[in-house]
Amino acid sequence: MILLDMDGVVADFFNTALRWHGGLPFKSTWPRNQRDMWTPLGITEAEFYEPMKTREFWDDVRPYPGAPQFVNALREMSPVQIYTVTTGDHSVCGAAKQDWCQYWLGIDPRYVRAFRDSRAKAEVAARGPDRILIDDNAETCNIVRRLGGRAFLVRRPWNTEDRDVGFDRVDYQEILGRLR
């Protein structure tokens, strides 16, 4: 079974959050390996996550180019579930993410699992040898591996120094190649 993270893997959370916080001008100078977004934006963590408490924010998030096709290719390999972490109000965010996955990826909400934190997601993902987590959070992937599970880290600007990794796309062919 493939357990697929949502934000930063198939959903363009980064650009949406920058738009909502007026940070798009900072994108060209965004520090590599910078996971938290509030520090470069000069706001608090609470201020950063405030819009994510609303359904309007999640309605504004778009998939990365090729994300629906990527999910379909994964489905040809194995059953797919979305494993995501909620931000802000857990119930609003979880429901909005389920709706997003159904609308953009055609994934039934029953197969979208929302966790309150990355550690809980990693612990569940590590259960069973037939599970593979695909995630953009290096720490989450490392937890899964330490617990004996399998995880693939999706290279993103916030988890690598590699300047060839862009903010506006995901190299889905690289991921598919690693899974085959």
Protein backbone atom coordinates (compact mmCIF):
# COMPACT_ATOMS: atom_id res chain seq x y z
CA MET A 1 0.00 0.00 0.00
CA ILE A 2 1.25 3.47 -0.88
CA LEU A 3 0.72 6.16 1.73
CA LEU A 4 1.01 9.53 0.05
CA ASP A 5 1.55 12.83 1.81
CA MET A 6 -0.55 15.70 0.48
CA ASP A 7 1.04 19.12 1.14
CA GLY A 8 4.25 19.61 -0.80
CA VAL A 9 3.87 16.30 -2.66
CA VAL A 10 0.64 16.60 -4.64
CA ALA A 11 -0.80 19.87 -3.24
CA ASP A 12 1.01 23.18 -3.74
CA PHE A 13 0.75 24.33 -0.14
CA PHE A 14 3.94 26.41 -0.39
CA ASN A 15 2.81 28.84 -3.09
CA THR A 16 -0.69 29.09 -1.62
CA ALA A 17 0.69 29.96 1.82
CA LEU A 18 3.03 32.54 0.28
CA ARG A 19 0.11 34.13 -1.61
CA TRP A 20 -2.02 34.32 1.52
CA HIS A 21 0.81 35.97 3.44
CA GLY A 22 2.01 38.31 0.68
CA GLY A 23 5.28 36.42 0.44
CA LEU A 24 5.51 35.62 -3.27
CA PRO A 25 8.22 38.29 -3.76
CA PHE A 26 10.42 36.29 -1.33
CA LYS A 27 10.25 33.09 -3.38
CA SER A 28 13.31 33.82 -5.52
CA THR A 29 15.49 34.25 -2.42
CA TRP A 30 13.87 31.57 -0.24
CA PRO A 31 16.56 29.80 1.83
CA ARG A 32 17.11 26.16 0.90
CA ASN A 33 16.50 23.58 3.61
CA GLN A 34 14.09 26.03 5.32
CA ARG A 35 11.11 23.95 6.41
CA ASP A 36 9.28 26.45 8.58
CA MET A 37 7.79 29.27 6.53
CA TRP A 38 7.00 31.78 9.26
CA THR A 39 10.61 32.73 10.06
CA PRO A 40 11.52 34.00 6.55
CA LEU A 41 8.15 35.76 6.35
CA GLY A 42 8.82 37.54 9.64
CA ILE A 43 5.63 36.36 11.34
CA THR A 44 4.86 34.05 14.24
CA GLU A 45 3.92 30.41 13.80
CA ALA A 46 0.40 31.19 15.04
CA GLU A 47 0.03 34.01 12.49
CA PHE A 48 1.26 31.73 9.75
CA TYR A 49 -1.24 28.96 10.51
CA GLU A 50 -4.25 31.24 11.05
CA PRO A 51 -5.51 31.07 7.40
CA MET A 52 -5.21 27.27 7.40
CA LYS A 53 -8.05 27.15 9.92
CA THR A 54 -10.43 28.13 7.12
CA ARG A 55 -11.95 26.15 4.31
CA GLU A 56 -11.24 29.11 1.98
CA PHE A 57 -7.51 28.51 2.26
CA TRP A 58 -7.80 24.85 1.27
CA ASP A 59 -10.17 25.71 -1.57
CA ASP A 60 -7.39 27.95 -2.93
CA VAL A 61 -4.72 25.21 -2.92
CA ARG A 62 -4.00 23.72 -6.35
CA PRO A 63 -2.32 20.46 -7.28
CA TYR A 64 1.16 20.49 -8.73
CA PRO A 65 1.22 19.95 -12.50
CA GLY A 66 0.94 16.22 -13.17
CA ALA A 67 -0.25 15.30 -9.66
CA PRO A 68 -3.51 13.60 -10.74
CA GLN A 69 -1.64 11.55 -13.35
CA PHE A 70 1.01 10.64 -10.75
CA VAL A 71 -1.67 9.38 -8.36
CA ASN A 72 -3.22 7.32 -11.17
CA ALA A 73 0.19 5.79 -11.95
CA LEU A 74 0.62 4.92 -8.26
CA ARG A 75 -2.83 3.30 -8.23
CA GLU A 76 -1.68 1.00 -11.03
CA MET A 77 1.08 -0.23 -8.68
CA SER A 78 -0.78 -0.48 -5.39
CA PRO A 79 -3.73 0.87 -3.40
CA VAL A 80 -3.16 4.52 -2.45
CA GLN A 81 -4.14 6.34 0.71
CA ILE A 82 -3.45 9.98 1.54
CA TYR A 83 -1.73 10.46 4.90
CA THR A 84 -1.72 14.12 5.85
CA VAL A 85 -1.17 16.30 8.88
CA THR A 86 -3.77 18.90 9.75
CA THR A 87 -3.01 22.50 10.58
CA GLY A 88 -5.16 24.87 12.58
CA ASP A 89 -8.61 23.53 13.40
CA HIS A 90 -8.28 19.75 13.00
CA SER A 91 -11.91 19.14 12.01
CA VAL A 92 -12.13 21.96 9.43
CA CYS A 93 -8.70 21.22 7.98
CA GLY A 94 -9.23 17.45 7.88
CA ALA A 95 -12.58 17.76 6.12
CA ALA A 96 -11.21 20.34 3.68
CA LYS A 97 -8.26 18.09 2.82
CA GLN A 98 -10.59 15.13 2.26
CA ASP A 99 -12.71 17.24 -0.09
CA TRP A 100 -9.57 18.49 -1.87
CA CYS A 101 -8.34 14.94 -2.49
CA GLN A 102 -11.71 13.88 -3.83
CA TYR A 103 -12.03 16.90 -6.12
CA TRP A 104 -8.48 17.09 -7.50
CA LEU A 105 -7.30 13.46 -7.27
CA GLY A 106 -10.50 11.42 -7.31
CA ILE A 107 -9.65 9.82 -3.97
CA ASP A 108 -12.59 8.78 -1.84
CA PRO A 109 -12.53 10.66 1.51
CA ARG A 110 -12.49 7.30 3.32
CA TYR A 111 -8.92 6.88 2.04
CA VAL A 112 -7.68 10.23 3.33
CA ARG A 113 -6.31 9.97 6.85
CA ALA A 114 -5.66 13.20 8.75
CA PHE A 115 -3.20 13.18 11.64
CA ARG A 116 -2.60 15.92 14.21
CA ASP A 117 1.20 15.60 13.96
CA SER A 118 3.93 14.05 11.84
CA ARG A 119 5.10 11.63 14.53
CA ALA A 120 1.68 9.94 14.71
CA LYS A 121 1.57 9.74 10.91
CA ALA A 122 5.03 8.15 10.81
CA GLU A 123 4.19 5.59 13.50
CA VAL A 124 1.10 4.39 11.65
CA ALA A 125 2.93 4.42 8.29
CA ALA A 126 5.68 2.18 9.70
CA ARG A 127 3.23 -0.58 10.63
CA GLY A 128 3.43 -3.43 8.18
CA PRO A 129 6.00 -4.39 5.55
CA ASP A 130 3.59 -3.70 2.69
CA ARG A 131 3.43 0.05 3.35
CA ILE A 132 5.52 2.73 1.63
CA LEU A 133 5.26 6.37 2.71
CA ILE A 134 5.98 9.06 0.10
CA ASP A 135 6.57 12.35 1.93
CA ASP A 136 8.43 15.67 1.66
CA ASN A 137 9.33 15.81 5.37
CA ALA A 138 12.77 14.28 5.98
CA GLU A 139 12.12 13.89 9.71
CA THR A 140 8.90 11.95 9.10
CA CYS A 141 10.66 9.65 6.61
CA ASN A 142 13.50 9.07 9.08
CA ILE A 143 11.05 8.13 11.85
CA VAL A 144 9.35 5.62 9.55
CA ARG A 145 12.73 4.07 8.66
CA ARG A 146 13.88 3.93 12.31
CA LEU A 147 10.66 2.07 13.13
CA GLY A 148 11.40 -0.47 10.40
CA GLY A 149 9.13 0.93 7.70
CA ARG A 150 9.78 2.10 4.16
CA ALA A 151 9.71 5.76 3.14
CA PHE A 152 10.69 7.78 0.08
CA LEU A 153 11.65 11.40 0.55
CA VAL A 154 10.36 13.66 -2.22
CA ARG A 155 13.07 16.20 -2.97
CA ARG A 156 11.73 19.71 -2.35
CA PRO A 157 13.50 23.05 -1.83
CA TRP A 158 12.74 22.90 1.90
CA ASN A 159 14.55 19.57 2.37
CA THR A 160 17.57 19.87 0.05
CA GLU A 161 20.36 22.22 -0.93
CA ASP A 162 19.92 21.17 -4.59
CA ARG A 163 19.18 24.34 -6.61
CA ASP A 164 17.71 22.26 -9.47
CA VAL A 165 14.71 21.32 -7.32
CA GLY A 166 11.99 23.87 -8.06
CA PHE A 167 9.13 25.29 -6.02
CA ASP A 168 6.49 24.97 -8.74
CA ARG A 169 6.76 21.33 -9.75
CA VAL A 170 7.52 17.86 -8.41
CA ASP A 171 9.62 15.33 -10.33
CA TYR A 172 7.05 12.56 -10.35
CA GLN A 173 9.02 10.48 -12.85
CA GLU A 174 11.91 10.33 -10.37
CA ILE A 175 9.56 9.02 -7.66
CA LEU A 176 7.94 6.46 -9.95
CA GLY A 177 11.37 5.28 -11.07
CA ARG A 178 12.46 4.76 -7.47
CA LEU A 179 9.31 2.75 -6.72
CA ARG A 180 9.63 0.38 -9.66
